[in-house]
Structures are given as structure tokens and as C-alpha cells.
Amino acid sequence: MAPSLKADVVFLAPPWGGPDYKVAESFDLEKGIFSPYGGSLIYKLSSSISENIAYFLPRNINTDQVVMLAGPGGQVEIEQNFLGKKLVAITAYFGELIHE
């Protein structure tokens, strides 16, 4: 259905919780997303809907994998999300959602 949809923005928050992600030194975008698809395929499908994507991910995400989603010459802005003084997640912004 994704290729037939169009939107201004896509917000991705796939399920990544559970007991294992907190103890992993680095969260793997491909293996850690609870989906029959890896995290990069979810992004690719979403990019057919809009280039403006916000991707909510765990604090220990492998940021190299996130940067690779932007592709050659692409950009991504990574924002750390805190609850009080504790880092709880990151949000990666793509397209026109990047603050310049």
C-alpha cells in the first residue's frame, strides 16, 4: 500500500522495546526492529510516501546505520530525546525536517 500513499511527513516509531535492547551496546537497525522487515526497508517504503521522515529509535542505535539511510550526499539530523536527565531515545530527521 505504501507506494500509493502520499503525505507531507511520515513519523516512524516501529516497536523496538523489550528486555534485550537496553543491555545491547549498540542497537542494530536491521535485527532489532520487531517487524518482518528490517529498519532500512521500513525507511525505504516510507520514503516513497514522503521524503520528510522522522524516525524514532532507541538511544543506543547504531548511528552509522541511520546515516546510511540518507544515502550518498543525503543528510540526517539526529536529536537526542531526554526524560529528565536520562537519554531515552533519539529521533532522526530527514528531508525538509532538518533544521539548517
PDB file of N, CA and C in Angstrom:
ATOM      1  N   MET A   1       0.813  -1.183   0.000  1.00  0.00           N
ATOM      2  CA  MET A   1       0.000   0.000   0.000  1.00  0.00           C
ATOM      3  C   MET A   1       0.869   1.264   0.000  1.00  0.00           C
ATOM      4  N   ALA A   2       2.068   1.237   0.562  1.00  0.00           N
ATOM      5  CA  ALA A   2       2.900   2.433   0.709  1.00  0.00           C
ATOM      6  C   ALA A   2       3.108   3.201  -0.594  1.00  0.00           C
ATOM      7  N   PRO A   3       3.419   2.549  -1.723  1.00  0.00           N
ATOM      8  CA  PRO A   3       3.659   3.320  -2.944  1.00  0.00           C
ATOM      9  C   PRO A   3       2.451   4.130  -3.432  1.00  0.00           C
ATOM     10  N   SER A   4       1.263   3.766  -2.997  1.00  0.00           N
ATOM     11  CA  SER A   4       0.072   4.501  -3.434  1.00  0.00           C
ATOM     12  C   SER A   4      -0.281   5.662  -2.495  1.00  0.00           C
ATOM     13  N   LEU A   5       0.413   5.781  -1.376  1.00  0.00           N
ATOM     14  CA  LEU A   5       0.145   6.849  -0.421  1.00  0.00           C
ATOM     15  C   LEU A   5       1.052   8.050  -0.664  1.00  0.00           C
ATOM     16  N   LYS A   6       0.549   9.235  -0.359  1.00  0.00           N
ATOM     17  CA  LYS A   6       1.354  10.464  -0.392  1.00  0.00           C
ATOM     18  C   LYS A   6       1.031  11.259   0.866  1.00  0.00           C
ATOM     19  N   ALA A   7       2.060  11.879   1.464  1.00  0.00           N
ATOM     20  CA  ALA A   7       1.869  12.659   2.691  1.00  0.00           C
ATOM     21  C   ALA A   7       2.946  13.727   2.766  1.00  0.00           C
ATOM     22  N   ASP A   8       2.728  14.711   3.631  1.00  0.00           N
ATOM     23  CA  ASP A   8       3.732  15.747   3.865  1.00  0.00           C
ATOM     24  C   ASP A   8       4.877  15.219   4.723  1.00  0.00           C
ATOM     25  N   VAL A   9       4.544  14.372   5.706  1.00  0.00           N
ATOM     26  CA  VAL A   9       5.521  13.853   6.663  1.00  0.00           C
ATOM     27  C   VAL A   9       5.141  12.426   7.033  1.00  0.00           C
ATOM     28  N   VAL A  10       6.154  11.601   7.270  1.00  0.00           N
ATOM     29  CA  VAL A  10       5.942  10.256   7.807  1.00  0.00           C
ATOM     30  C   VAL A  10       6.687  10.178   9.138  1.00  0.00           C
ATOM     31  N   PHE A  11       5.997   9.767  10.200  1.00  0.00           N
ATOM     32  CA  PHE A  11       6.617   9.553  11.507  1.00  0.00           C
ATOM     33  C   PHE A  11       6.699   8.053  11.727  1.00  0.00           C
ATOM     34  N   LEU A  12       7.909   7.549  11.882  1.00  0.00           N
ATOM     35  CA  LEU A  12       8.134   6.127  12.104  1.00  0.00           C
ATOM     36  C   LEU A  12       8.489   5.872  13.563  1.00  0.00           C
ATOM     37  N   ALA A  13       7.765   4.982  14.184  1.00  0.00           N
ATOM     38  CA  ALA A  13       8.061   4.564  15.557  1.00  0.00           C
ATOM     39  C   ALA A  13       7.794   3.061  15.650  1.00  0.00           C
ATOM     40  N   PRO A  14       8.626   2.272  14.943  1.00  0.00           N
ATOM     41  CA  PRO A  14       8.400   0.824  14.968  1.00  0.00           C
ATOM     42  C   PRO A  14       8.713   0.261  16.343  1.00  0.00           C
ATOM     43  N   PRO A  15       8.111  -0.862  16.682  1.00  0.00           N
ATOM     44  CA  PRO A  15       8.369  -1.448  18.010  1.00  0.00           C
ATOM     45  C   PRO A  15       9.807  -1.953  18.124  1.00  0.00           C
ATOM     46  N   TRP A  16      10.543  -1.425  19.101  1.00  0.00           N
ATOM     47  CA  TRP A  16      11.913  -1.841  19.348  1.00  0.00           C
ATOM     48  C   TRP A  16      12.164  -2.105  20.822  1.00  0.00           C
ATOM     49  N   GLY A  17      11.145  -2.042  21.619  1.00  0.00           N
ATOM     50  CA  GLY A  17      11.323  -2.242  23.058  1.00  0.00           C
ATOM     51  C   GLY A  17      11.556  -3.700  23.407  1.00  0.00           C
ATOM     52  N   GLY A  18      11.481  -4.001  24.661  1.00  0.00           N
ATOM     53  CA  GLY A  18      11.721  -5.360  25.125  1.00  0.00           C
ATOM     54  C   GLY A  18      12.970  -5.403  25.987  1.00  0.00           C
ATOM     55  N   PRO A  19      13.231  -6.529  26.590  1.00  0.00           N
ATOM     56  CA  PRO A  19      14.325  -6.615  27.551  1.00  0.00           C
ATOM     57  C   PRO A  19      15.725  -6.542  26.940  1.00  0.00           C
ATOM     58  N   ASP A  20      15.887  -6.921  25.684  1.00  0.00           N
ATOM     59  CA  ASP A  20      17.228  -7.041  25.113  1.00  0.00           C
ATOM     60  C   ASP A  20      17.846  -5.729  24.650  1.00  0.00           C
ATOM     61  N   TYR A  21      17.031  -4.791  24.171  1.00  0.00           N
ATOM     62  CA  TYR A  21      17.624  -3.598  23.572  1.00  0.00           C
ATOM     63  C   TYR A  21      18.371  -2.741  24.594  1.00  0.00           C
ATOM     64  N   LYS A  22      17.936  -2.727  25.837  1.00  0.00           N
ATOM     65  CA  LYS A  22      18.566  -1.881  26.848  1.00  0.00           C
ATOM     66  C   LYS A  22      19.982  -2.315  27.197  1.00  0.00           C
ATOM     67  N   VAL A  23      20.252  -3.598  27.113  1.00  0.00           N
ATOM     68  CA  VAL A  23      21.558  -4.101  27.512  1.00  0.00           C
ATOM     69  C   VAL A  23      22.543  -4.189  26.349  1.00  0.00           C
ATOM     70  N   ALA A  24      22.052  -4.066  25.133  1.00  0.00           N
ATOM     71  CA  ALA A  24      22.941  -4.129  23.971  1.00  0.00           C
ATOM     72  C   ALA A  24      23.782  -2.858  23.900  1.00  0.00           C
ATOM     73  N   GLU A  25      25.060  -3.021  23.606  1.00  0.00           N
ATOM     74  CA  GLU A  25      25.932  -1.854  23.467  1.00  0.00           C
ATOM     75  C   GLU A  25      25.497  -1.006  22.275  1.00  0.00           C
ATOM     76  N   SER A  26      25.090  -1.678  21.206  1.00  0.00           N
ATOM     77  CA  SER A  26      24.647  -0.976  20.010  1.00  0.00           C
ATOM     78  C   SER A  26      23.419  -1.687  19.447  1.00  0.00           C
ATOM     79  N   PHE A  27      22.368  -0.930  19.191  1.00  0.00           N
ATOM     80  CA  PHE A  27      21.131  -1.483  18.662  1.00  0.00           C
ATOM     81  C   PHE A  27      21.228  -1.556  17.140  1.00  0.00           C
ATOM     82  N   ASP A  28      21.006  -2.744  16.586  1.00  0.00           N
ATOM     83  CA  ASP A  28      21.093  -2.968  15.144  1.00  0.00           C
ATOM     84  C   ASP A  28      19.760  -2.645  14.486  1.00  0.00           C
ATOM     85  N   LEU A  29      19.768  -1.709  13.559  1.00  0.00           N
ATOM     86  CA  LEU A  29      18.567  -1.261  12.868  1.00  0.00           C
ATOM     87  C   LEU A  29      17.893  -2.391  12.103  1.00  0.00           C
ATOM     88  N   GLU A  30      18.674  -3.329  11.614  1.00  0.00           N
ATOM     89  CA  GLU A  30      18.113  -4.413  10.804  1.00  0.00           C
ATOM     90  C   GLU A  30      17.554  -5.558  11.636  1.00  0.00           C
ATOM     91  N   LYS A  31      18.190  -5.868  12.742  1.00  0.00           N
ATOM     92  CA  LYS A  31      17.786  -7.032  13.536  1.00  0.00           C
ATOM     93  C   LYS A  31      16.927  -6.678  14.737  1.00  0.00           C
ATOM     94  N   GLY A  32      16.957  -5.426  15.182  1.00  0.00           N
ATOM     95  CA  GLY A  32      16.294  -5.059  16.421  1.00  0.00           C
ATOM     96  C   GLY A  32      14.864  -4.587  16.285  1.00  0.00           C
ATOM     97  N   ILE A  33      14.431  -4.257  15.074  1.00  0.00           N
ATOM     98  CA  ILE A  33      13.061  -3.786  14.860  1.00  0.00           C
ATOM     99  C   ILE A  33      12.140  -5.003  14.828  1.00  0.00           C
ATOM    100  N   PHE A  34      11.096  -4.990  15.638  1.00  0.00           N
ATOM    101  CA  PHE A  34      10.149  -6.103  15.667  1.00  0.00           C
ATOM    102  C   PHE A  34       9.189  -5.983  14.502  1.00  0.00           C
ATOM    103  N   SER A  35       9.614  -6.506  13.372  1.00  0.00           N
ATOM    104  CA  SER A  35       8.859  -6.409  12.136  1.00  0.00           C
ATOM    105  C   SER A  35       9.377  -7.497  11.213  1.00  0.00           C
ATOM    106  N   PRO A  36       8.552  -7.950  10.285  1.00  0.00           N
ATOM    107  CA  PRO A  36       9.082  -8.909   9.318  1.00  0.00           C
ATOM    108  C   PRO A  36      10.096  -8.255   8.373  1.00  0.00           C
ATOM    109  N   TYR A  37      10.205  -6.926   8.436  1.00  0.00           N
ATOM    110  CA  TYR A  37      11.138  -6.159   7.603  1.00  0.00           C
ATOM    111  C   TYR A  37      12.218  -5.558   8.496  1.00  0.00           C
ATOM    112  N   GLY A  38      13.359  -5.282   7.946  1.00  0.00           N
ATOM    113  CA  GLY A  38      14.391  -4.574   8.693  1.00  0.00           C
ATOM    114  C   GLY A  38      14.086  -3.089   8.721  1.00  0.00           C
ATOM    115  N   GLY A  39      14.810  -2.374   9.553  1.00  0.00           N
ATOM    116  CA  GLY A  39      14.593  -0.944   9.718  1.00  0.00           C
ATOM    117  C   GLY A  39      14.857  -0.130   8.468  1.00  0.00           C
ATOM    118  N   SER A  40      15.813  -0.560   7.635  1.00  0.00           N
ATOM    119  CA  SER A  40      16.082   0.204   6.412  1.00  0.00           C
ATOM    120  C   SER A  40      14.987   0.002   5.369  1.00  0.00           C
ATOM    121  N   LEU A  41      14.378  -1.169   5.325  1.00  0.00           N
ATOM    122  CA  LEU A  41      13.266  -1.381   4.382  1.00  0.00           C
ATOM    123  C   LEU A  41      12.044  -0.564   4.798  1.00  0.00           C
ATOM    124  N   ILE A  42      11.797  -0.461   6.088  1.00  0.00           N
ATOM    125  CA  ILE A  42      10.699   0.376   6.579  1.00  0.00           C
ATOM    126  C   ILE A  42      10.930   1.823   6.148  1.00  0.00           C
ATOM    127  N   TYR A  43      12.175   2.284   6.268  1.00  0.00           N
ATOM    128  CA  TYR A  43      12.519   3.642   5.832  1.00  0.00           C
ATOM    129  C   TYR A  43      12.320   3.793   4.330  1.00  0.00           C
ATOM    130  N   LYS A  44      12.820   2.837   3.557  1.00  0.00           N
ATOM    131  CA  LYS A  44      12.710   2.915   2.095  1.00  0.00           C
ATOM    132  C   LYS A  44      11.248   2.957   1.654  1.00  0.00           C
ATOM    133  N   LEU A  45      10.409   2.126   2.228  1.00  0.00           N
ATOM    134  CA  LEU A  45       8.981   2.135   1.889  1.00  0.00           C
ATOM    135  C   LEU A  45       8.356   3.477   2.252  1.00  0.00           C
ATOM    136  N   SER A  46       8.756   4.025   3.383  1.00  0.00           N
ATOM    137  CA  SER A  46       8.219   5.316   3.824  1.00  0.00           C
ATOM    138  C   SER A  46       8.679   6.454   2.918  1.00  0.00           C
ATOM    139  N   SER A  47       9.882   6.342   2.379  1.00  0.00           N
ATOM    140  CA  SER A  47      10.384   7.409   1.512  1.00  0.00           C
ATOM    141  C   SER A  47       9.623   7.496   0.198  1.00  0.00           C
ATOM    142  N   SER A  48       8.860   6.451  -0.146  1.00  0.00           N
ATOM    143  CA  SER A  48       8.002   6.545  -1.328  1.00  0.00           C
ATOM    144  C   SER A  48       6.738   7.347  -1.015  1.00  0.00           C
ATOM    145  N   ILE A  49       6.444   7.535   0.266  1.00  0.00           N
ATOM    146  CA  ILE A  49       5.286   8.320   0.694  1.00  0.00           C
ATOM    147  C   ILE A  49       5.676   9.789   0.834  1.00  0.00           C
ATOM    148  N   SER A  50       6.842  10.041   1.430  1.00  0.00           N
ATOM    149  CA  SER A  50       7.341  11.407   1.618  1.00  0.00           C
ATOM    150  C   SER A  50       8.841  11.357   1.871  1.00  0.00           C
ATOM    151  N   GLU A  51       9.565  12.389   1.424  1.00  0.00           N
ATOM    152  CA  GLU A  51      10.994  12.480   1.745  1.00  0.00           C
ATOM    153  C   GLU A  51      11.201  13.028   3.149  1.00  0.00           C
ATOM    154  N   ASN A  52      10.152  13.576   3.741  1.00  0.00           N
ATOM    155  CA  ASN A  52      10.210  14.161   5.085  1.00  0.00           C
ATOM    156  C   ASN A  52       9.839  13.082   6.100  1.00  0.00           C
ATOM    157  N   ILE A  53      10.859  12.523   6.727  1.00  0.00           N
ATOM    158  CA  ILE A  53      10.654  11.386   7.633  1.00  0.00           C
ATOM    159  C   ILE A  53      11.285  11.689   8.983  1.00  0.00           C
ATOM    160  N   ALA A  54      10.546  11.393  10.043  1.00  0.00           N
ATOM    161  CA  ALA A  54      11.065  11.415  11.407  1.00  0.00           C
ATOM    162  C   ALA A  54      11.057   9.961  11.884  1.00  0.00           C
ATOM    163  N   TYR A  55      12.212   9.472  12.335  1.00  0.00           N
ATOM    164  CA  TYR A  55      12.373   8.063  12.708  1.00  0.00           C
ATOM    165  C   TYR A  55      12.757   8.013  14.181  1.00  0.00           C
ATOM    166  N   PHE A  56      11.855   7.522  15.037  1.00  0.00           N
ATOM    167  CA  PHE A  56      12.041   7.425  16.483  1.00  0.00           C
ATOM    168  C   PHE A  56      12.711   6.090  16.789  1.00  0.00           C
ATOM    169  N   LEU A  57      13.894   6.146  17.390  1.00  0.00           N
ATOM    170  CA  LEU A  57      14.709   4.955  17.586  1.00  0.00           C
ATOM    171  C   LEU A  57      15.315   4.915  18.998  1.00  0.00           C
ATOM    172  N   PRO A  58      15.801   3.745  19.427  1.00  0.00           N
ATOM    173  CA  PRO A  58      16.384   3.652  20.776  1.00  0.00           C
ATOM    174  C   PRO A  58      17.678   4.451  20.915  1.00  0.00           C
ATOM    175  N   ARG A  59      17.998   4.808  22.134  1.00  0.00           N
ATOM    176  CA  ARG A  59      19.146   5.661  22.420  1.00  0.00           C
ATOM    177  C   ARG A  59      20.471   5.034  21.994  1.00  0.00           C
ATOM    178  N   ASN A  60      20.539   3.718  21.948  1.00  0.00           N
ATOM    179  CA  ASN A  60      21.781   3.035  21.619  1.00  0.00           C
ATOM    180  C   ASN A  60      21.807   2.547  20.164  1.00  0.00           C
ATOM    181  N   ILE A  61      21.050   3.207  19.297  1.00  0.00           N
ATOM    182  CA  ILE A  61      21.013   2.837  17.878  1.00  0.00           C
ATOM    183  C   ILE A  61      22.402   2.972  17.264  1.00  0.00           C
ATOM    184  N   ASN A  62      22.706   2.131  16.331  1.00  0.00           N
ATOM    185  CA  ASN A  62      23.947   2.238  15.571  1.00  0.00           C
ATOM    186  C   ASN A  62      23.766   3.431  14.629  1.00  0.00           C
ATOM    187  N   THR A  63      24.330   4.580  14.968  1.00  0.00           N
ATOM    188  CA  THR A  63      24.097   5.803  14.186  1.00  0.00           C
ATOM    189  C   THR A  63      24.685   5.712  12.783  1.00  0.00           C
ATOM    190  N   ASP A  64      25.695   4.867  12.584  1.00  0.00           N
ATOM    191  CA  ASP A  64      26.214   4.677  11.229  1.00  0.00           C
ATOM    192  C   ASP A  64      25.117   4.138  10.311  1.00  0.00           C
ATOM    193  N   GLN A  65      24.294   3.229  10.827  1.00  0.00           N
ATOM    194  CA  GLN A  65      23.193   2.685  10.035  1.00  0.00           C
ATOM    195  C   GLN A  65      22.170   3.773   9.713  1.00  0.00           C
ATOM    196  N   VAL A  66      21.911   4.645  10.665  1.00  0.00           N
ATOM    197  CA  VAL A  66      20.950   5.733  10.451  1.00  0.00           C
ATOM    198  C   VAL A  66      21.470   6.690   9.383  1.00  0.00           C
ATOM    199  N   VAL A  67      22.741   7.033   9.448  1.00  0.00           N
ATOM    200  CA  VAL A  67      23.351   7.920   8.458  1.00  0.00           C
ATOM    201  C   VAL A  67      23.270   7.289   7.070  1.00  0.00           C
ATOM    202  N   MET A  68      23.464   6.003   6.969  1.00  0.00           N
ATOM    203  CA  MET A  68      23.413   5.310   5.680  1.00  0.00           C
ATOM    204  C   MET A  68      22.026   5.410   5.042  1.00  0.00           C
ATOM    205  N   LEU A  69      20.982   5.556   5.843  1.00  0.00           N
ATOM    206  CA  LEU A  69      19.629   5.691   5.288  1.00  0.00           C
ATOM    207  C   LEU A  69      19.503   6.918   4.391  1.00  0.00           C
ATOM    208  N   ALA A  70      20.245   7.974   4.711  1.00  0.00           N
ATOM    209  CA  ALA A  70      20.167   9.212   3.940  1.00  0.00           C
ATOM    210  C   ALA A  70      20.725   9.042   2.530  1.00  0.00           C
ATOM    211  N   GLY A  71      21.560   8.042   2.334  1.00  0.00           N
ATOM    212  CA  GLY A  71      22.129   7.787   1.022  1.00  0.00           C
ATOM    213  C   GLY A  71      23.278   8.727   0.696  1.00  0.00           C
ATOM    214  N   PRO A  72      23.946   8.475  -0.433  1.00  0.00           N
ATOM    215  CA  PRO A  72      25.078   9.315  -0.829  1.00  0.00           C
ATOM    216  C   PRO A  72      24.662  10.772  -1.009  1.00  0.00           C
ATOM    217  N   GLY A  73      25.372  11.665  -0.353  1.00  0.00           N
ATOM    218  CA  GLY A  73      25.063  13.089  -0.459  1.00  0.00           C
ATOM    219  C   GLY A  73      23.837  13.537   0.320  1.00  0.00           C
ATOM    220  N   GLY A  74      23.151  12.594   0.976  1.00  0.00           N
ATOM    221  CA  GLY A  74      21.960  12.928   1.753  1.00  0.00           C
ATOM    222  C   GLY A  74      22.324  13.436   3.133  1.00  0.00           C
ATOM    223  N   GLN A  75      21.322  13.949   3.820  1.00  0.00           N
ATOM    224  CA  GLN A  75      21.547  14.482   5.164  1.00  0.00           C
ATOM    225  C   GLN A  75      20.561  13.873   6.148  1.00  0.00           C
ATOM    226  N   VAL A  76      20.991  13.824   7.401  1.00  0.00           N
ATOM    227  CA  VAL A  76      20.132  13.403   8.501  1.00  0.00           C
ATOM    228  C   VAL A  76      20.502  14.244   9.714  1.00  0.00           C
ATOM    229  N   GLU A  77      19.510  14.605  10.498  1.00  0.00           N
ATOM    230  CA  GLU A  77      19.752  15.296  11.765  1.00  0.00           C
ATOM    231  C   GLU A  77      19.298  14.358  12.876  1.00  0.00           C
ATOM    232  N   ILE A  78      20.185  14.117  13.832  1.00  0.00           N
ATOM    233  CA  ILE A  78      19.871  13.206  14.934  1.00  0.00           C
ATOM    234  C   ILE A  78      19.688  14.016  16.202  1.00  0.00           C
ATOM    235  N   GLU A  79      18.521  13.892  16.796  1.00  0.00           N
ATOM    236  CA  GLU A  79      18.166  14.619  18.019  1.00  0.00           C
ATOM    237  C   GLU A  79      18.085  13.621  19.170  1.00  0.00           C
ATOM    238  N   GLN A  80      18.713  13.952  20.274  1.00  0.00           N
ATOM    239  CA  GLN A  80      18.619  13.117  21.468  1.00  0.00           C
ATOM    240  C   GLN A  80      17.369  13.515  22.250  1.00  0.00           C
ATOM    241  N   ASN A  81      16.604  12.506  22.701  1.00  0.00           N
ATOM    242  CA  ASN A  81      15.389  12.736  23.462  1.00  0.00           C
ATOM    243  C   ASN A  81      15.625  12.346  24.915  1.00  0.00           C
ATOM    244  N   PHE A  82      15.449  13.320  25.813  1.00  0.00           N
ATOM    245  CA  PHE A  82      15.672  13.096  27.245  1.00  0.00           C
ATOM    246  C   PHE A  82      14.357  13.112  28.010  1.00  0.00           C
ATOM    247  N   LEU A  83      14.293  12.322  29.052  1.00  0.00           N
ATOM    248  CA  LEU A  83      13.217  12.370  30.028  1.00  0.00           C
ATOM    249  C   LEU A  83      13.905  12.732  31.337  1.00  0.00           C
ATOM    250  N   GLY A  84      13.722  13.977  31.766  1.00  0.00           N
ATOM    251  CA  GLY A  84      14.516  14.481  32.874  1.00  0.00           C
ATOM    252  C   GLY A  84      15.951  14.600  32.398  1.00  0.00           C
ATOM    253  N   LYS A  85      16.862  13.935  33.090  1.00  0.00           N
ATOM    254  CA  LYS A  85      18.269  13.965  32.683  1.00  0.00           C
ATOM    255  C   LYS A  85      18.710  12.665  32.021  1.00  0.00           C
ATOM    256  N   LYS A  86      17.759  11.782  31.734  1.00  0.00           N
ATOM    257  CA  LYS A  86      18.088  10.472  31.180  1.00  0.00           C
ATOM    258  C   LYS A  86      17.791  10.433  29.681  1.00  0.00           C
ATOM    259  N   LEU A  87      18.802  10.055  28.899  1.00  0.00           N
ATOM    260  CA  LEU A  87      18.628   9.863  27.463  1.00  0.00           C
ATOM    261  C   LEU A  87      17.773   8.619  27.255  1.00  0.00           C
ATOM    262  N   VAL A  88      16.619   8.772  26.598  1.00  0.00           N
ATOM    263  CA  VAL A  88      15.714   7.642  26.431  1.00  0.00           C
ATOM    264  C   VAL A  88      15.581   7.172  24.989  1.00  0.00           C
ATOM    265  N   ALA A  89      15.857   8.035  24.018  1.00  0.00           N
ATOM    266  CA  ALA A  89      15.698   7.670  22.617  1.00  0.00           C
ATOM    267  C   ALA A  89      16.357   8.735  21.747  1.00  0.00           C
ATOM    268  N   ILE A  90      16.367   8.487  20.454  1.00  0.00           N
ATOM    269  CA  ILE A  90      16.781   9.512  19.502  1.00  0.00           C
ATOM    270  C   ILE A  90      15.699   9.610  18.429  1.00  0.00           C
ATOM    271  N   THR A  91      15.633  10.758  17.786  1.00  0.00           N
ATOM    272  CA  THR A  91      14.784  10.915  16.612  1.00  0.00           C
ATOM    273  C   THR A  91      15.679  11.381  15.472  1.00  0.00           C
ATOM    274  N   ALA A  92      15.619  10.669  14.359  1.00  0.00           N
ATOM    275  CA  ALA A  92      16.387  11.031  13.170  1.00  0.00           C
ATOM    276  C   ALA A  92      15.444  11.726  12.201  1.00  0.00           C
ATOM    277  N   TYR A  93      15.857  12.900  11.710  1.00  0.00           N
ATOM    278  CA  TYR A  93      15.042  13.689  10.787  1.00  0.00           C
ATOM    279  C   TYR A  93      15.676  13.689   9.406  1.00  0.00           C
ATOM    280  N   PHE A  94      14.840  13.541   8.391  1.00  0.00           N
ATOM    281  CA  PHE A  94      15.269  13.514   7.007  1.00  0.00           C
ATOM    282  C   PHE A  94      14.431  14.511   6.198  1.00  0.00           C
ATOM    283  N   GLY A  95      14.955  14.905   5.054  1.00  0.00           N
ATOM    284  CA  GLY A  95      14.228  15.813   4.159  1.00  0.00           C
ATOM    285  C   GLY A  95      14.135  17.219   4.727  1.00  0.00           C
ATOM    286  N   GLU A  96      12.990  17.843   4.542  1.00  0.00           N
ATOM    287  CA  GLU A  96      12.780  19.212   4.983  1.00  0.00           C
ATOM    288  C   GLU A  96      12.603  19.349   6.493  1.00  0.00           C
ATOM    289  N   LEU A  97      12.635  18.234   7.214  1.00  0.00           N
ATOM    290  CA  LEU A  97      12.523  18.282   8.675  1.00  0.00           C
ATOM    291  C   LEU A  97      13.836  18.647   9.347  1.00  0.00           C
ATOM    292  N   ILE A  98      14.910  18.666   8.567  1.00  0.00           N
ATOM    293  CA  ILE A  98      16.218  19.022   9.100  1.00  0.00           C
ATOM    294  C   ILE A  98      16.260  20.535   9.306  1.00  0.00           C
ATOM    295  N   HIS A  99      16.687  20.958  10.495  1.00  0.00           N
ATOM    296  CA  HIS A  99      16.851  22.389  10.792  1.00  0.00           C
ATOM    297  C   HIS A  99      18.212  22.839  10.293  1.00  0.00           C
ATOM    298  N   GLU A 100      18.218  23.832   9.453  1.00  0.00           N
ATOM    299  CA  GLU A 100      19.510  24.334   8.940  1.00  0.00           C
ATOM    300  C   GLU A 100      19.851  25.647   9.560  1.00  0.00           C
TER     301      GLU A 100
END
